[in-house]
Protein backbone atom coordinates (compact mmCIF):
# COMPACT_ATOMS: atom_id res chain seq x y z
CA UNK A 1 0.00 0.00 0.00
CA UNK A 2 2.78 2.43 0.87
CA UNK A 3 4.56 1.60 -2.38
CA UNK A 4 1.33 2.16 -4.33
CA UNK A 5 0.91 5.53 -2.57
CA UNK A 6 4.36 6.60 -3.81
CA UNK A 7 3.68 5.58 -7.41
CA UNK A 8 0.21 7.06 -7.97
CA UNK A 9 -2.36 9.22 -6.23
CA UNK A 10 -4.24 7.10 -3.75
CA UNK A 11 -6.59 8.42 -1.08
CA UNK A 12 -9.31 5.85 -0.34
CA UNK A 13 -8.67 2.18 0.47
CA UNK A 14 -11.61 -0.13 1.01
CA UNK A 15 -11.05 -3.23 3.14
CA UNK A 16 -13.72 -5.83 2.47
CA UNK A 17 -14.31 -9.59 2.40
CA UNK A 18 -16.55 -12.12 0.72
CA UNK A 19 -18.31 -13.12 3.94
CA UNK A 20 -18.63 -11.91 7.49
CA UNK A 21 -15.99 -12.81 10.12
CA UNK A 22 -13.01 -12.95 7.76
CA UNK A 23 -10.93 -10.34 9.57
CA UNK A 24 -11.66 -7.18 7.57
CA UNK A 25 -12.39 -5.05 10.63
CA UNK A 26 -9.18 -6.12 12.37
CA UNK A 27 -7.20 -5.61 9.15
CA UNK A 28 -8.65 -2.16 8.43
CA UNK A 29 -8.15 -1.03 12.02
CA UNK A 30 -4.55 -2.26 12.22
CA UNK A 31 -3.71 -0.85 8.79
CA UNK A 32 -5.11 2.58 9.67
CA UNK A 33 -3.41 2.65 13.08
CA UNK A 34 -0.06 1.64 11.56
CA UNK A 35 -0.23 4.36 8.91
CA UNK A 36 -1.30 6.98 11.44
CA UNK A 37 1.62 5.99 13.69
CA UNK A 38 3.95 6.62 10.72
CA UNK A 39 2.67 10.19 10.60
CA UNK A 40 0.31 9.74 7.64
CA UNK A 41 -2.84 11.77 8.25
CA UNK A 42 -5.30 8.85 8.27
CA UNK A 43 -9.06 8.54 8.66
CA UNK A 44 -10.68 5.20 9.47
CA UNK A 45 -14.35 4.99 8.47
CA UNK A 46 -16.75 2.35 9.75
CA UNK A 47 -18.66 1.74 6.53
CA UNK A 48 -20.81 -1.07 7.89
CA UNK A 49 -24.03 0.65 8.93
CA UNK A 50 -25.82 -2.66 9.56
CA UNK A 51 -23.18 -4.20 11.83
CA UNK A 52 -20.73 -1.51 12.98
CA UNK A 53 -18.20 -3.80 14.70
CA UNK A 54 -15.40 -1.27 14.31
CA UNK A 55 -17.40 1.34 16.20
CA UNK A 56 -18.33 -1.15 18.92
CA UNK A 57 -14.66 -2.03 19.34
CA UNK A 58 -13.03 1.41 19.17
CA UNK A 59 -15.67 3.97 20.15
CA UNK A 60 -18.82 2.30 21.50
CA UNK A 61 -20.24 5.53 22.93
CA UNK A 62 -20.13 7.44 19.65
CA UNK A 63 -23.22 9.59 19.30
CA UNK A 64 -22.83 10.45 15.62
CA UNK A 65 -21.09 9.04 12.61
CA UNK A 66 -21.30 8.32 8.91
CA UNK A 67 -25.11 8.33 8.70
CA UNK A 68 -25.51 11.57 10.64
CA UNK A 69 -22.89 13.29 8.45
CA UNK A 70 -24.45 11.95 5.24
CA UNK A 71 -27.93 13.22 6.08
CA UNK A 72 -26.64 16.57 7.33
CA UNK A 73 -27.56 16.01 10.97
CA UNK A 74 -23.93 16.45 12.12
CA UNK A 75 -21.06 18.38 10.58
CA UNK A 76 -18.28 16.21 9.12
CA UNK A 77 -15.71 17.57 11.56
CA UNK A 78 -17.85 17.07 14.68
CA UNK A 79 -18.39 13.38 13.97
CA UNK A 80 -14.66 12.61 13.93
CA UNK A 81 -13.08 11.00 17.00
CA UNK A 82 -9.29 11.04 17.43
CA UNK A 83 -7.10 8.39 19.04
CA UNK A 84 -4.55 10.56 20.85
CA UNK A 85 -1.96 7.78 21.08
CA UNK A 86 -1.69 7.29 17.29
CA UNK A 87 -3.27 10.43 15.84
CA UNK A 88 -5.75 8.25 13.96
CA UNK A 89 -9.07 9.92 13.13
CA UNK A 90 -12.16 7.71 13.21
CA UNK A 91 -15.58 8.25 11.65
CA UNK A 92 -17.81 5.78 13.51
CA UNK A 93 -21.18 4.42 12.41
CA UNK A 94 -24.13 4.46 14.72
CA UNK A 95 -26.58 1.60 14.40
CA UNK A 96 -29.50 2.19 12.04
CA UNK A 97 -32.87 0.68 12.79
CA UNK A 98 -34.41 1.32 9.34
CA UNK A 99 -32.12 -1.08 7.45
CA UNK A 100 -34.09 -0.72 4.20
CA UNK A 101 -32.78 2.86 4.01
CA UNK A 102 -29.12 1.78 4.12
CA UNK A 103 -28.78 0.46 0.56
CA UNK A 104 -30.35 3.59 -0.89
CA UNK A 105 -28.03 5.76 1.19
CA UNK A 106 -24.89 3.81 0.23
CA UNK A 107 -25.57 4.34 -3.48
CA UNK A 108 -26.50 8.01 -3.03
CA UNK A 109 -24.59 11.19 -3.78
CA UNK A 110 -24.64 11.91 -0.05
CA UNK A 111 -22.03 9.20 0.61
CA UNK A 112 -20.01 10.42 -2.38
CA UNK A 113 -20.06 13.93 -0.91
CA UNK A 114 -18.96 12.68 2.52
CA UNK A 115 -16.01 10.75 1.07
CA UNK A 116 -15.07 13.71 -1.17
CA UNK A 117 -15.12 16.06 1.83
CA UNK A 118 -12.70 13.84 3.75
CA UNK A 119 -10.50 13.25 0.66
CA UNK A 120 -9.59 16.93 0.87
CA UNK A 121 -8.61 16.70 4.54
CA UNK A 122 -6.71 13.41 4.91
CA UNK A 123 -3.74 11.81 3.21
CA UNK A 124 -5.40 8.39 3.40
CA UNK A 125 -8.87 7.07 4.17
CA UNK A 126 -9.38 3.43 5.15
CA UNK A 127 -12.97 2.19 4.96
CA UNK A 128 -14.04 -0.91 6.87
CA UNK A 129 -16.69 -2.35 4.54
CA UNK A 130 -19.52 -4.80 4.95
CA UNK A 131 -19.02 -8.23 3.33
CA UNK A 132 -19.60 -8.39 -0.43
CA UNK A 133 -21.64 -11.54 -0.94
CA UNK A 134 -24.58 -11.06 1.44
CA UNK A 135 -24.91 -7.26 1.04
CA UNK A 136 -24.66 -4.71 -1.79
CA UNK A 137 -23.39 -1.94 0.51
CA UNK A 138 -19.74 -2.96 0.11
CA UNK A 139 -20.09 -2.85 -3.67
CA UNK A 140 -21.34 0.72 -3.46
CA UNK A 141 -18.34 1.70 -1.33
CA UNK A 142 -15.98 -0.14 -3.72
CA UNK A 143 -17.03 2.26 -6.46
CA UNK A 144 -15.70 5.15 -4.35
CA UNK A 145 -12.36 3.52 -3.47
CA UNK A 146 -9.05 4.05 -5.22
CA UNK A 147 -7.83 0.62 -4.06
CA UNK A 148 -9.56 -2.45 -2.62
CA UNK A 149 -8.11 -5.01 -0.21
CA UNK A 150 -10.05 -8.28 0.11
CA UNK A 151 -9.58 -10.10 3.42
CA UNK A 152 -10.03 -13.87 3.45
CA UNK A 153 -10.24 -16.36 6.29
CA UNK A 154 -7.25 -18.64 5.78
CA UNK A 155 -8.27 -22.17 4.81
CA UNK A 156 -11.95 -21.34 5.45
CA UNK A 157 -13.34 -19.22 2.61
CA UNK A 158 -14.57 -21.58 -0.13
CA UNK A 159 -13.03 -20.92 -3.54
CA UNK A 160 -16.43 -20.52 -5.20
CA UNK A 161 -17.41 -17.87 -2.64
CA UNK A 162 -14.20 -15.96 -3.33
CA UNK A 163 -14.79 -16.28 -7.09
CA UNK A 164 -18.32 -14.89 -6.61
CA UNK A 165 -16.99 -11.97 -4.55
CA UNK A 166 -14.43 -11.18 -7.26
CA UNK A 167 -17.20 -11.29 -9.88
CA UNK A 168 -19.16 -8.79 -7.78
CA UNK A 169 -16.10 -6.50 -7.88
CA UNK A 170 -15.60 -6.93 -11.64
CA UNK A 171 -16.67 -3.32 -12.46
CA UNK A 172 -13.77 -2.12 -10.26
CA UNK A 173 -11.41 -5.09 -10.61
CA UNK A 174 -8.52 -2.82 -11.66
CA UNK A 175 -8.56 -1.38 -8.12
CA UNK A 176 -8.08 -4.68 -6.26
CA UNK A 177 -4.65 -4.89 -4.63
């Protein structure tokens, strides 16, 4: 990733997986923390509005996040939480009860505008995505990413499931690292 950043402009990295519980949240969190520790101005976004594990792990008391920024309820800067030990900025995701609204939101210009706003303020944005196969939300976020990292559970993810996930990413396959 650091080598790719040197070679070409790269601002948004999506970390996703084919299925749930394949380590994408741990990978995205560790990646973002490592880069922030190196002095790279990094934002970690919890992009999983249905199951915000990253938020539960790092900032469980967050009162506002991605949804509230996207609908204009909270300013983009007020929703950011900062880990003082690493300098990592975090945009959490509060749990949404009306799940039917999530897909529409993820494919809307509102999410595009949120990501564009933060692109101007951070050197790198890491998005912790929902899994690709059961939900379309991750595919919407993949369209906004400059690079995509697919996490897999070693010796657990069936080859046909991985192949299906890669097919789902075919419109943006040139961005997969």
